[in-house]
Amino acid sequence: MTSLLRRNRWVSRALLVVVAVLVLVAFARIEHTTPLLLPMVLLVGAVIAIAGLVVDSGGTPPALWRIDSEYGGTTAGQDSGLAGNARLLENHLSARRADPLLQRRLAGMTDDRLARMGMRRGDPGVDALLGPTLTAVLDGPPRTLQLEEIEECIRRIEELSP
């Protein structure tokens, strides 16, 4: 019997509930009152269950909440730049308000590609190379772009070659 009680704490707690209820019923009989048995069993059971859970959690080591600073947020073999661009596009397409991050990223990609060609935005003929959609996105105020506009801008940037 002792090994059963040690292995399963809830069996001993159920026995404790039975003993406590019997003691309370005996006390009620001594005081010449009639106890409400169901509410008494529920109350005693709840108190002993909560006390048992508190006792059970008292011996556990504290949780380790340190953050792994080495985690990059991408799976092995995935290009971090590509993953960042994909996250940026997903965030832009699901955002409620216009976010200038995509516009700045497109401007940076355009400037890098033009720099490889020895050109800058504002040079003669560059607006014709960029096209009306990309020029409007780069020079206009931040706004939420549609998927077709983003594809057109990226295609125009990719077509820039030295």
C-alpha atoms as a PDB file:
ATOM      1  CA  MET A   1       0.000   0.000   0.000  1.00  0.00           C
ATOM      2  CA  THR A   2       2.840   2.389   0.806  1.00  0.00           C
ATOM      3  CA  SER A   3       4.488   1.868  -2.595  1.00  0.00           C
ATOM      4  CA  LEU A   4       1.168   2.607  -4.347  1.00  0.00           C
ATOM      5  CA  LEU A   5       0.837   5.865  -2.428  1.00  0.00           C
ATOM      6  CA  ARG A   6       4.391   6.887  -3.264  1.00  0.00           C
ATOM      7  CA  ARG A   7       4.022   6.098  -6.962  1.00  0.00           C
ATOM      8  CA  ASN A   8       0.726   7.878  -7.449  1.00  0.00           C
ATOM      9  CA  ARG A   9       0.351  11.070  -5.467  1.00  0.00           C
ATOM     10  CA  TRP A  10      -3.248  11.527  -6.559  1.00  0.00           C
ATOM     11  CA  VAL A  11      -4.346   8.282  -4.888  1.00  0.00           C
ATOM     12  CA  SER A  12      -3.044   9.551  -1.560  1.00  0.00           C
ATOM     13  CA  ARG A  13      -4.707  12.901  -2.173  1.00  0.00           C
ATOM     14  CA  ALA A  14      -8.040  11.209  -2.899  1.00  0.00           C
ATOM     15  CA  LEU A  15      -7.696   9.279   0.338  1.00  0.00           C
ATOM     16  CA  LEU A  16      -6.945  12.563   2.113  1.00  0.00           C
ATOM     17  CA  VAL A  17     -10.149  14.048   0.649  1.00  0.00           C
ATOM     18  CA  VAL A  18     -12.157  11.087   1.942  1.00  0.00           C
ATOM     19  CA  VAL A  19     -10.610  11.389   5.424  1.00  0.00           C
ATOM     20  CA  ALA A  20     -11.160  15.169   5.530  1.00  0.00           C
ATOM     21  CA  VAL A  21     -14.801  14.821   4.456  1.00  0.00           C
ATOM     22  CA  LEU A  22     -15.395  12.117   7.073  1.00  0.00           C
ATOM     23  CA  VAL A  23     -13.868  14.340   9.758  1.00  0.00           C
ATOM     24  CA  LEU A  24     -16.067  17.276   8.693  1.00  0.00           C
ATOM     25  CA  VAL A  25     -19.203  15.081   8.636  1.00  0.00           C
ATOM     26  CA  ALA A  26     -18.365  13.766  12.131  1.00  0.00           C
ATOM     27  CA  PHE A  27     -17.841  17.325  13.369  1.00  0.00           C
ATOM     28  CA  ALA A  28     -21.184  18.357  11.841  1.00  0.00           C
ATOM     29  CA  ARG A  29     -22.913  15.455  13.600  1.00  0.00           C
ATOM     30  CA  ILE A  30     -21.349  16.461  16.919  1.00  0.00           C
ATOM     31  CA  GLU A  31     -22.645  20.014  16.374  1.00  0.00           C
ATOM     32  CA  HIS A  32     -26.100  18.632  15.464  1.00  0.00           C
ATOM     33  CA  THR A  33     -26.145  20.051  11.937  1.00  0.00           C
ATOM     34  CA  THR A  34     -26.701  18.396   8.596  1.00  0.00           C
ATOM     35  CA  PRO A  35     -23.885  19.075   6.115  1.00  0.00           C
ATOM     36  CA  LEU A  36     -24.379  19.476   2.376  1.00  0.00           C
ATOM     37  CA  LEU A  37     -22.273  16.565   1.231  1.00  0.00           C
ATOM     38  CA  LEU A  38     -21.689  17.373  -2.471  1.00  0.00           C
ATOM     39  CA  PRO A  39     -20.497  20.969  -1.988  1.00  0.00           C
ATOM     40  CA  MET A  40     -18.322  19.833   0.905  1.00  0.00           C
ATOM     41  CA  VAL A  41     -16.668  17.101  -1.195  1.00  0.00           C
ATOM     42  CA  LEU A  42     -16.093  19.523  -4.071  1.00  0.00           C
ATOM     43  CA  LEU A  43     -14.612  22.202  -1.813  1.00  0.00           C
ATOM     44  CA  VAL A  44     -12.319  19.824   0.066  1.00  0.00           C
ATOM     45  CA  GLY A  45     -11.280  18.151  -3.195  1.00  0.00           C
ATOM     46  CA  ALA A  46     -10.463  21.481  -4.828  1.00  0.00           C
ATOM     47  CA  VAL A  47      -8.441  22.691  -1.842  1.00  0.00           C
ATOM     48  CA  ILE A  48      -6.425  19.466  -1.634  1.00  0.00           C
ATOM     49  CA  ALA A  49      -5.873  19.376  -5.427  1.00  0.00           C
ATOM     50  CA  ILE A  50      -4.592  22.973  -5.468  1.00  0.00           C
ATOM     51  CA  ALA A  51      -2.373  22.334  -2.468  1.00  0.00           C
ATOM     52  CA  GLY A  52      -1.046  19.198  -4.172  1.00  0.00           C
ATOM     53  CA  LEU A  53      -0.240  21.090  -7.364  1.00  0.00           C
ATOM     54  CA  VAL A  54       1.585  23.760  -5.380  1.00  0.00           C
ATOM     55  CA  VAL A  55       3.589  21.079  -3.552  1.00  0.00           C
ATOM     56  CA  ASP A  56       4.370  19.320  -6.870  1.00  0.00           C
ATOM     57  CA  SER A  57       5.670  22.491  -8.492  1.00  0.00           C
ATOM     58  CA  GLY A  58       7.795  23.448  -5.474  1.00  0.00           C
ATOM     59  CA  GLY A  59      10.581  20.972  -6.204  1.00  0.00           C
ATOM     60  CA  THR A  60      11.160  21.761  -9.849  1.00  0.00           C
ATOM     61  CA  PRO A  61      14.108  23.864 -10.981  1.00  0.00           C
ATOM     62  CA  PRO A  62      13.282  27.309 -12.348  1.00  0.00           C
ATOM     63  CA  ALA A  63      12.727  27.663 -16.079  1.00  0.00           C
ATOM     64  CA  LEU A  64      15.622  28.886 -18.211  1.00  0.00           C
ATOM     65  CA  TRP A  65      14.486  31.941 -20.133  1.00  0.00           C
ATOM     66  CA  ARG A  66      17.706  32.904 -21.876  1.00  0.00           C
ATOM     67  CA  ILE A  67      17.536  33.822 -25.529  1.00  0.00           C
ATOM     68  CA  ASP A  68      19.877  32.153 -27.959  1.00  0.00           C
ATOM     69  CA  SER A  69      21.693  35.038 -29.633  1.00  0.00           C
ATOM     70  CA  GLU A  70      23.131  32.749 -32.311  1.00  0.00           C
ATOM     71  CA  TYR A  71      19.722  32.021 -33.851  1.00  0.00           C
ATOM     72  CA  GLY A  72      19.441  33.601 -37.257  1.00  0.00           C
ATOM     73  CA  GLY A  73      15.798  32.828 -37.917  1.00  0.00           C
ATOM     74  CA  THR A  74      16.406  30.904 -41.117  1.00  0.00           C
ATOM     75  CA  THR A  75      16.780  27.260 -41.919  1.00  0.00           C
ATOM     76  CA  ALA A  76      20.149  25.756 -42.777  1.00  0.00           C
ATOM     77  CA  GLY A  77      21.241  26.522 -46.309  1.00  0.00           C
ATOM     78  CA  GLN A  78      18.816  29.389 -46.794  1.00  0.00           C
ATOM     79  CA  ASP A  79      20.164  32.688 -48.060  1.00  0.00           C
ATOM     80  CA  SER A  80      19.683  35.268 -45.307  1.00  0.00           C
ATOM     81  CA  GLY A  81      19.264  38.129 -47.796  1.00  0.00           C
ATOM     82  CA  LEU A  82      16.597  36.229 -49.693  1.00  0.00           C
ATOM     83  CA  ALA A  83      14.822  35.314 -46.452  1.00  0.00           C
ATOM     84  CA  GLY A  84      14.885  38.964 -45.350  1.00  0.00           C
ATOM     85  CA  ASN A  85      13.479  40.130 -48.683  1.00  0.00           C
ATOM     86  CA  ALA A  86      10.730  37.487 -48.540  1.00  0.00           C
ATOM     87  CA  ARG A  87       9.790  38.589 -45.007  1.00  0.00           C
ATOM     88  CA  LEU A  88       9.774  42.219 -46.128  1.00  0.00           C
ATOM     89  CA  LEU A  89       7.435  41.437 -49.032  1.00  0.00           C
ATOM     90  CA  GLU A  90       5.109  39.349 -46.841  1.00  0.00           C
ATOM     91  CA  ASN A  91       4.962  42.092 -44.225  1.00  0.00           C
ATOM     92  CA  HIS A  92       4.344  44.769 -46.864  1.00  0.00           C
ATOM     93  CA  LEU A  93       1.539  42.832 -48.543  1.00  0.00           C
ATOM     94  CA  SER A  94      -0.215  42.093 -45.237  1.00  0.00           C
ATOM     95  CA  ALA A  95       0.298  45.541 -43.639  1.00  0.00           C
ATOM     96  CA  ARG A  96      -2.656  47.801 -42.945  1.00  0.00           C
ATOM     97  CA  ARG A  97      -0.741  51.026 -43.522  1.00  0.00           C
ATOM     98  CA  ALA A  98       1.871  52.103 -46.023  1.00  0.00           C
ATOM     99  CA  ASP A  99       5.379  51.170 -44.906  1.00  0.00           C
ATOM    100  CA  PRO A 100       8.440  52.886 -46.439  1.00  0.00           C
ATOM    101  CA  LEU A 101      10.722  49.859 -45.875  1.00  0.00           C
ATOM    102  CA  LEU A 102       9.950  48.226 -49.225  1.00  0.00           C
ATOM    103  CA  GLN A 103      10.421  51.524 -51.041  1.00  0.00           C
ATOM    104  CA  ARG A 104      13.829  51.997 -49.367  1.00  0.00           C
ATOM    105  CA  ARG A 105      14.863  48.418 -50.186  1.00  0.00           C
ATOM    106  CA  LEU A 106      13.897  48.879 -53.846  1.00  0.00           C
ATOM    107  CA  ALA A 107      15.772  52.184 -53.922  1.00  0.00           C
ATOM    108  CA  GLY A 108      18.867  50.531 -52.454  1.00  0.00           C
ATOM    109  CA  MET A 109      18.737  47.672 -54.965  1.00  0.00           C
ATOM    110  CA  THR A 110      18.263  50.160 -57.826  1.00  0.00           C
ATOM    111  CA  ASP A 111      21.139  52.355 -56.658  1.00  0.00           C
ATOM    112  CA  ASP A 112      23.435  49.325 -56.309  1.00  0.00           C
ATOM    113  CA  ARG A 113      22.590  48.092 -59.791  1.00  0.00           C
ATOM    114  CA  LEU A 114      23.007  51.572 -61.288  1.00  0.00           C
ATOM    115  CA  ALA A 115      26.343  52.045 -59.457  1.00  0.00           C
ATOM    116  CA  ARG A 116      27.648  48.884 -61.144  1.00  0.00           C
ATOM    117  CA  MET A 117      26.770  50.519 -64.442  1.00  0.00           C
ATOM    118  CA  GLY A 118      28.482  53.768 -63.432  1.00  0.00           C
ATOM    119  CA  MET A 119      25.211  55.658 -63.247  1.00  0.00           C
ATOM    120  CA  ARG A 120      23.019  57.298 -60.613  1.00  0.00           C
ATOM    121  CA  ARG A 121      19.368  58.161 -60.386  1.00  0.00           C
ATOM    122  CA  GLY A 122      18.840  61.589 -61.841  1.00  0.00           C
ATOM    123  CA  ASP A 123      21.355  61.048 -64.659  1.00  0.00           C
ATOM    124  CA  PRO A 124      20.014  61.620 -68.185  1.00  0.00           C
ATOM    125  CA  GLY A 125      18.290  58.532 -69.562  1.00  0.00           C
ATOM    126  CA  VAL A 126      18.062  56.679 -66.232  1.00  0.00           C
ATOM    127  CA  ASP A 127      14.335  57.303 -65.855  1.00  0.00           C
ATOM    128  CA  ALA A 128      13.762  55.693 -69.242  1.00  0.00           C
ATOM    129  CA  LEU A 129      15.749  52.611 -68.092  1.00  0.00           C
ATOM    130  CA  LEU A 130      13.826  52.367 -64.846  1.00  0.00           C
ATOM    131  CA  GLY A 131      10.407  52.715 -66.419  1.00  0.00           C
ATOM    132  CA  PRO A 132       7.407  54.683 -65.183  1.00  0.00           C
ATOM    133  CA  THR A 133       6.335  52.231 -62.453  1.00  0.00           C
ATOM    134  CA  LEU A 134       9.725  51.959 -60.721  1.00  0.00           C
ATOM    135  CA  THR A 135      10.356  55.691 -61.089  1.00  0.00           C
ATOM    136  CA  ALA A 136       6.972  56.497 -59.524  1.00  0.00           C
ATOM    137  CA  VAL A 137       7.636  54.098 -56.628  1.00  0.00           C
ATOM    138  CA  LEU A 138      11.122  55.463 -55.948  1.00  0.00           C
ATOM    139  CA  ASP A 139      10.263  59.147 -56.279  1.00  0.00           C
ATOM    140  CA  GLY A 140       6.730  59.121 -54.833  1.00  0.00           C
ATOM    141  CA  PRO A 141       5.530  59.032 -51.251  1.00  0.00           C
ATOM    142  CA  PRO A 142       5.420  55.675 -49.437  1.00  0.00           C
ATOM    143  CA  ARG A 143       2.304  53.730 -50.337  1.00  0.00           C
ATOM    144  CA  THR A 144       1.087  50.160 -50.263  1.00  0.00           C
ATOM    145  CA  LEU A 145       2.121  48.498 -53.504  1.00  0.00           C
ATOM    146  CA  GLN A 146       0.175  45.791 -55.272  1.00  0.00           C
ATOM    147  CA  LEU A 147       1.884  42.506 -56.132  1.00  0.00           C
ATOM    148  CA  GLU A 148       1.949  43.377 -59.849  1.00  0.00           C
ATOM    149  CA  GLU A 149       3.704  46.680 -59.119  1.00  0.00           C
ATOM    150  CA  ILE A 150       6.308  44.944 -56.946  1.00  0.00           C
ATOM    151  CA  GLU A 151       6.944  42.359 -59.671  1.00  0.00           C
ATOM    152  CA  GLU A 152       7.304  45.113 -62.288  1.00  0.00           C
ATOM    153  CA  CYS A 153       9.781  47.022 -60.095  1.00  0.00           C
ATOM    154  CA  ILE A 154      11.899  43.934 -59.391  1.00  0.00           C
ATOM    155  CA  ARG A 155      11.855  42.928 -63.083  1.00  0.00           C
ATOM    156  CA  ARG A 156      13.035  46.425 -64.086  1.00  0.00           C
ATOM    157  CA  ILE A 157      15.835  46.324 -61.506  1.00  0.00           C
ATOM    158  CA  GLU A 158      16.929  42.884 -62.690  1.00  0.00           C
ATOM    159  CA  GLU A 159      16.952  44.041 -66.316  1.00  0.00           C
ATOM    160  CA  LEU A 160      19.488  46.749 -65.492  1.00  0.00           C
ATOM    161  CA  SER A 161      22.794  45.263 -66.538  1.00  0.00           C
ATOM    162  CA  PRO A 162      26.188  46.733 -67.360  1.00  0.00           C
END
